[in-house]
């Protein structure tokens, strides 16, 4: 049996569109036999509160700045509709909070007004001067290896400084944009930096996501997390279209199992050591 897909985007994420239908995603999840799907829409900020660390650090803008707020009322209505239409599928509400250590006050305000079941934490951008810049752009102009080390160092700090999220999303995010192609990326040179992230995550008992849109994590990478005390693994397709939900989960299950994790307490649970 395939695990729950805990990282999916619908038409309510700013980087999708009408083709990312929540209803059609649920239909496909049912056909695949997934027990649950979590609609973790992007929660990113182009303006922020004075109380946010981003403001205190003097960050003045973001590049690129295409991010838009979530239409929380329409999103909640769509979640309710899918729960009614697909009673055999657990439909989980959620957000993917970008750079949560920089936007704690803004995220808290959003969640107070629109509570959700699941919060993912992710790092898509790094600071460059007084602005946040997408990490894919920094790989080319700041140097790939240096950017990756800085990225993982910032991610470890993010884990230590933010307790709002339950699952750390795509620890391997920059691999998607690696110069010369994602297949040229090697995990081993960054083992020490990965392990720093994993120690911080394990100390708080939170889950590591195996993301199947990114180049699939190796058994070694997931085992490093286990070695550092990591106890729970989440599976996430990071789907932005219905056809991508649950993608490559059969392979991801093999990787996670080989690293020493097993299905959890029930079919909706994280996998555990």
Protein backbone atom coordinates (compact mmCIF):
# COMPACT_ATOMS: atom_id res chain seq x y z
CA UNK A 1 0.00 0.00 0.00
CA UNK A 2 1.32 3.44 -0.93
CA UNK A 3 1.76 6.08 1.80
CA UNK A 4 -0.08 9.38 2.09
CA UNK A 5 1.03 12.20 -0.20
CA UNK A 6 1.77 14.98 2.28
CA UNK A 7 2.89 17.70 -0.16
CA UNK A 8 0.51 18.66 -2.96
CA UNK A 9 -0.44 22.00 -4.52
CA UNK A 10 -3.79 22.88 -6.04
CA UNK A 11 -5.18 25.89 -7.90
CA UNK A 12 -4.81 27.87 -4.66
CA UNK A 13 -1.02 28.04 -4.86
CA UNK A 14 0.32 31.16 -6.59
CA UNK A 15 2.54 29.12 -8.94
CA UNK A 16 -0.19 26.89 -10.38
CA UNK A 17 -3.45 27.66 -12.19
CA UNK A 18 -6.85 26.17 -13.02
CA UNK A 19 -5.24 22.97 -14.32
CA UNK A 20 -4.13 22.17 -10.76
CA UNK A 21 -7.68 21.23 -9.81
CA UNK A 22 -8.11 20.05 -6.24
CA UNK A 23 -11.04 17.87 -7.27
CA UNK A 24 -9.11 16.23 -10.10
CA UNK A 25 -6.13 15.68 -7.80
CA UNK A 26 -8.40 13.86 -5.33
CA UNK A 27 -9.85 11.76 -8.15
CA UNK A 28 -6.36 10.66 -9.16
CA UNK A 29 -5.33 9.99 -5.56
CA UNK A 30 -8.32 7.67 -5.19
CA UNK A 31 -7.45 5.85 -8.43
CA UNK A 32 -3.88 5.34 -7.18
CA UNK A 33 -5.06 4.03 -3.84
CA UNK A 34 -3.45 6.76 -1.74
CA UNK A 35 -4.89 6.91 1.77
CA UNK A 36 -4.56 10.68 2.11
CA UNK A 37 -3.49 13.82 0.32
CA UNK A 38 -2.41 17.10 1.96
CA UNK A 39 -3.00 20.32 0.03
CA UNK A 40 -0.07 22.37 1.33
CA UNK A 41 -0.44 25.62 -0.59
CA UNK A 42 2.48 28.04 -0.85
CA UNK A 43 2.54 30.60 1.94
CA UNK A 44 5.16 33.14 0.85
CA UNK A 45 5.44 36.84 1.55
CA UNK A 46 6.41 39.84 -0.59
CA UNK A 47 5.50 42.24 2.24
CA UNK A 48 5.98 41.41 5.89
CA UNK A 49 5.30 42.59 9.41
CA UNK A 50 7.64 44.82 11.37
CA UNK A 51 7.82 42.00 13.93
CA UNK A 52 9.24 39.55 11.38
CA UNK A 53 12.95 38.80 11.43
CA UNK A 54 13.04 39.76 7.75
CA UNK A 55 12.20 43.34 8.75
CA UNK A 56 14.66 43.36 11.63
CA UNK A 57 17.39 42.05 9.30
CA UNK A 58 16.76 44.87 6.85
CA UNK A 59 15.39 42.73 4.02
CA UNK A 60 13.40 45.10 1.84
CA UNK A 61 12.10 42.98 -1.02
CA UNK A 62 12.09 39.61 -2.78
CA UNK A 63 13.22 38.64 -6.28
CA UNK A 64 11.39 37.38 -8.15
CA UNK A 65 8.21 38.58 -6.45
CA UNK A 66 5.38 36.66 -8.15
CA UNK A 67 4.03 35.28 -4.88
CA UNK A 68 0.38 35.93 -4.07
CA UNK A 69 -1.68 35.39 -0.88
CA UNK A 70 -3.85 32.30 -0.55
CA UNK A 71 -7.57 32.86 -1.06
CA UNK A 72 -8.32 31.24 2.27
CA UNK A 73 -12.12 31.33 2.03
CA UNK A 74 -12.22 29.68 -1.39
CA UNK A 75 -9.55 27.21 -0.31
CA UNK A 76 -11.52 26.18 2.79
CA UNK A 77 -14.65 25.73 0.69
CA UNK A 78 -12.77 23.53 -1.78
CA UNK A 79 -11.35 21.39 1.05
CA UNK A 80 -14.85 20.92 2.46
CA UNK A 81 -16.20 19.98 -0.99
CA UNK A 82 -13.47 17.37 -1.52
CA UNK A 83 -13.99 15.87 1.92
CA UNK A 84 -17.67 15.45 1.10
CA UNK A 85 -17.05 14.08 -2.42
CA UNK A 86 -14.26 11.65 -1.48
CA UNK A 87 -15.17 10.10 1.88
CA UNK A 88 -12.63 7.27 1.48
CA UNK A 89 -9.74 9.71 0.99
CA UNK A 90 -8.40 11.71 3.90
CA UNK A 91 -8.15 15.30 2.62
CA UNK A 92 -5.70 17.27 4.75
CA UNK A 93 -5.50 21.06 4.76
CA UNK A 94 -2.11 22.71 4.93
CA UNK A 95 0.43 25.30 3.90
CA UNK A 96 4.04 25.20 2.77
CA UNK A 97 5.59 28.06 4.71
CA UNK A 98 8.54 29.56 2.87
CA UNK A 99 11.47 30.76 5.01
CA UNK A 100 9.41 30.43 8.23
CA UNK A 101 12.26 31.64 10.44
CA UNK A 102 12.13 35.01 8.67
CA UNK A 103 8.35 35.44 8.77
CA UNK A 104 7.19 34.07 12.13
CA UNK A 105 4.78 36.92 12.87
CA UNK A 106 3.25 36.95 9.38
CA UNK A 107 2.82 33.17 9.40
CA UNK A 108 1.26 33.25 12.88
CA UNK A 109 -1.22 35.87 11.72
CA UNK A 110 -2.18 33.81 8.69
CA UNK A 111 -2.64 30.61 10.69
CA UNK A 112 -4.66 32.38 13.40
CA UNK A 113 -7.10 33.55 10.74
CA UNK A 114 -7.05 30.34 8.67
CA UNK A 115 -5.93 27.29 10.71
CA UNK A 116 -4.77 24.17 8.85
CA UNK A 117 -3.93 20.57 9.70
CA UNK A 118 -0.37 20.41 8.37
CA UNK A 119 2.47 22.94 8.00
CA UNK A 120 5.56 22.22 5.92
CA UNK A 121 8.70 24.31 6.25
CA UNK A 122 10.75 25.11 3.17
CA UNK A 123 13.65 27.24 2.03
CA UNK A 124 13.40 28.58 -1.52
CA UNK A 125 15.43 31.80 -1.23
CA UNK A 126 18.55 33.22 0.37
CA UNK A 127 19.44 36.80 1.22
CA UNK A 128 21.60 38.76 -1.20
CA UNK A 129 22.19 42.27 0.07
CA UNK A 130 18.84 43.58 1.23
CA UNK A 131 16.66 41.21 -0.73
CA UNK A 132 15.61 37.58 -0.86
CA UNK A 133 16.69 35.87 -4.08
CA UNK A 134 15.57 32.52 -5.43
CA UNK A 135 18.26 29.94 -4.77
CA UNK A 136 18.22 28.72 -8.37
CA UNK A 137 19.49 32.13 -9.50
CA UNK A 138 22.20 32.17 -6.86
CA UNK A 139 23.64 28.82 -7.97
CA UNK A 140 24.85 30.41 -11.18
CA UNK A 141 26.07 33.81 -10.04
CA UNK A 142 27.39 32.93 -6.57
CA UNK A 143 28.84 29.48 -7.34
CA UNK A 144 27.01 26.19 -6.98
CA UNK A 145 29.05 24.53 -4.21
CA UNK A 146 29.25 27.69 -2.10
CA UNK A 147 25.54 28.34 -2.52
CA UNK A 148 24.65 24.77 -1.56
CA UNK A 149 26.73 24.96 1.61
CA UNK A 150 25.17 28.28 2.49
CA UNK A 151 21.72 26.88 1.72
CA UNK A 152 22.13 23.90 4.04
CA UNK A 153 23.59 26.11 6.77
CA UNK A 154 20.60 28.45 6.50
CA UNK A 155 18.25 25.47 6.54
CA UNK A 156 19.78 24.20 9.79
CA UNK A 157 19.26 27.66 11.26
CA UNK A 158 15.68 27.68 9.97
CA UNK A 159 14.98 24.39 11.74
CA UNK A 160 16.44 25.71 15.00
CA UNK A 161 14.67 29.07 14.85
CA UNK A 162 11.16 28.02 13.72
CA UNK A 163 8.87 25.54 15.41
CA UNK A 164 5.80 26.29 13.29
CA UNK A 165 6.30 23.42 10.84
CA UNK A 166 5.94 19.67 11.33
CA UNK A 167 7.71 18.46 8.17
CA UNK A 168 10.89 19.78 6.53
CA UNK A 169 10.21 19.92 2.79
CA UNK A 170 12.71 19.17 0.00
CA UNK A 171 16.04 19.47 1.80
CA UNK A 172 17.49 18.97 -1.71
CA UNK A 173 15.66 21.87 -3.39
CA UNK A 174 18.69 23.47 -5.15
CA UNK A 175 19.39 20.17 -6.94
CA UNK A 176 16.51 20.96 -9.28
CA UNK A 177 18.50 23.85 -10.76
CA UNK A 178 22.03 22.44 -10.57
CA UNK A 179 24.33 23.86 -13.28
CA UNK A 180 24.80 21.39 -16.09
CA UNK A 181 21.78 19.34 -15.03
CA UNK A 182 20.43 17.83 -11.84
CA UNK A 183 22.14 14.50 -12.53
CA UNK A 184 25.54 16.15 -12.02
CA UNK A 185 24.79 16.85 -8.35
CA UNK A 186 26.48 14.63 -5.75
CA UNK A 187 25.29 14.42 -2.15
CA UNK A 188 28.51 13.10 -0.59
CA UNK A 189 30.54 16.36 -0.68
CA UNK A 190 27.84 17.99 1.47
CA UNK A 191 27.43 15.17 4.01
CA UNK A 192 28.56 17.29 6.97
CA UNK A 193 26.11 20.05 6.11
CA UNK A 194 23.24 17.61 5.58
CA UNK A 195 23.98 15.98 8.92
CA UNK A 196 23.84 19.38 10.67
CA UNK A 197 20.32 19.88 9.27
CA UNK A 198 19.30 16.36 10.25
CA UNK A 199 20.60 16.73 13.82
CA UNK A 200 18.59 19.90 14.29
CA UNK A 201 15.49 18.24 12.84
CA UNK A 202 15.88 15.08 14.91
CA UNK A 203 16.32 17.04 18.14
CA UNK A 204 12.80 18.43 17.71
CA UNK A 205 11.22 15.12 16.63
CA UNK A 206 10.04 16.46 13.30
CA UNK A 207 9.77 14.58 10.01
CA UNK A 208 12.03 14.70 6.96
CA UNK A 209 10.26 14.77 3.61
CA UNK A 210 11.34 12.55 0.74
CA UNK A 211 10.30 14.72 -2.18
CA UNK A 212 9.62 12.94 -5.47
CA UNK A 213 9.66 16.02 -7.72
CA UNK A 214 13.26 16.63 -6.72
CA UNK A 215 15.90 14.14 -7.81
CA UNK A 216 15.08 11.22 -5.55
CA UNK A 217 17.07 11.15 -2.31
CA UNK A 218 19.57 8.32 -2.01
CA UNK A 219 19.40 5.60 0.62
CA UNK A 220 22.57 7.12 2.09
CA UNK A 221 20.94 10.54 2.49
CA UNK A 222 17.90 9.16 4.31
CA UNK A 223 20.19 6.95 6.40
CA UNK A 224 22.20 10.01 7.47
CA UNK A 225 18.96 11.39 8.88
CA UNK A 226 18.35 8.14 10.75
CA UNK A 227 21.95 8.08 12.00
CA UNK A 228 21.47 11.57 13.48
CA UNK A 229 18.42 10.42 15.43
CA UNK A 230 15.71 11.13 12.87
CA UNK A 231 12.57 9.17 13.69
CA UNK A 232 9.98 10.00 11.00
CA UNK A 233 9.85 10.32 7.21
CA UNK A 234 7.08 11.91 5.16
CA UNK A 235 6.44 11.33 1.46
CA UNK A 236 5.60 14.29 -0.77
CA UNK A 237 5.12 14.47 -4.52
CA UNK A 238 5.22 18.29 -4.56
CA UNK A 239 2.63 17.90 -7.31
CA UNK A 240 1.51 21.06 -9.09
CA UNK A 241 -0.81 19.14 -11.44
CA UNK A 242 -3.17 16.22 -10.73
CA UNK A 243 -1.10 13.82 -12.85
CA UNK A 244 1.91 14.26 -10.55
CA UNK A 245 0.23 13.27 -7.29
CA UNK A 246 1.89 10.17 -5.82
CA UNK A 247 4.55 10.21 -8.55
CA UNK A 248 7.46 7.75 -8.05
CA UNK A 249 6.15 6.74 -4.63
CA UNK A 250 6.99 3.11 -5.38
CA UNK A 251 10.66 4.06 -5.74
CA UNK A 252 10.58 6.40 -2.76
CA UNK A 253 9.17 3.64 -0.57
CA UNK A 254 12.07 1.39 -1.59
CA UNK A 255 14.59 4.11 -0.68
CA UNK A 256 13.03 4.85 2.70
CA UNK A 257 12.66 1.17 3.59
CA UNK A 258 16.29 0.47 2.66
CA UNK A 259 17.34 3.32 4.96
CA UNK A 260 15.66 1.62 7.92
CA UNK A 261 12.19 3.14 8.15
CA UNK A 262 8.88 1.25 8.18
CA UNK A 263 5.18 2.13 7.90
CA UNK A 264 3.89 3.94 10.96
CA UNK A 265 1.04 3.29 13.34
CA UNK A 266 -1.61 3.42 10.62
CA UNK A 267 -1.86 4.07 6.88
CA UNK A 268 -2.03 7.85 7.41
CA UNK A 269 1.04 8.08 9.65
CA UNK A 270 4.60 9.02 8.76
CA UNK A 271 7.04 6.14 8.27
CA UNK A 272 9.10 5.55 11.41
CA UNK A 273 12.39 3.95 12.44
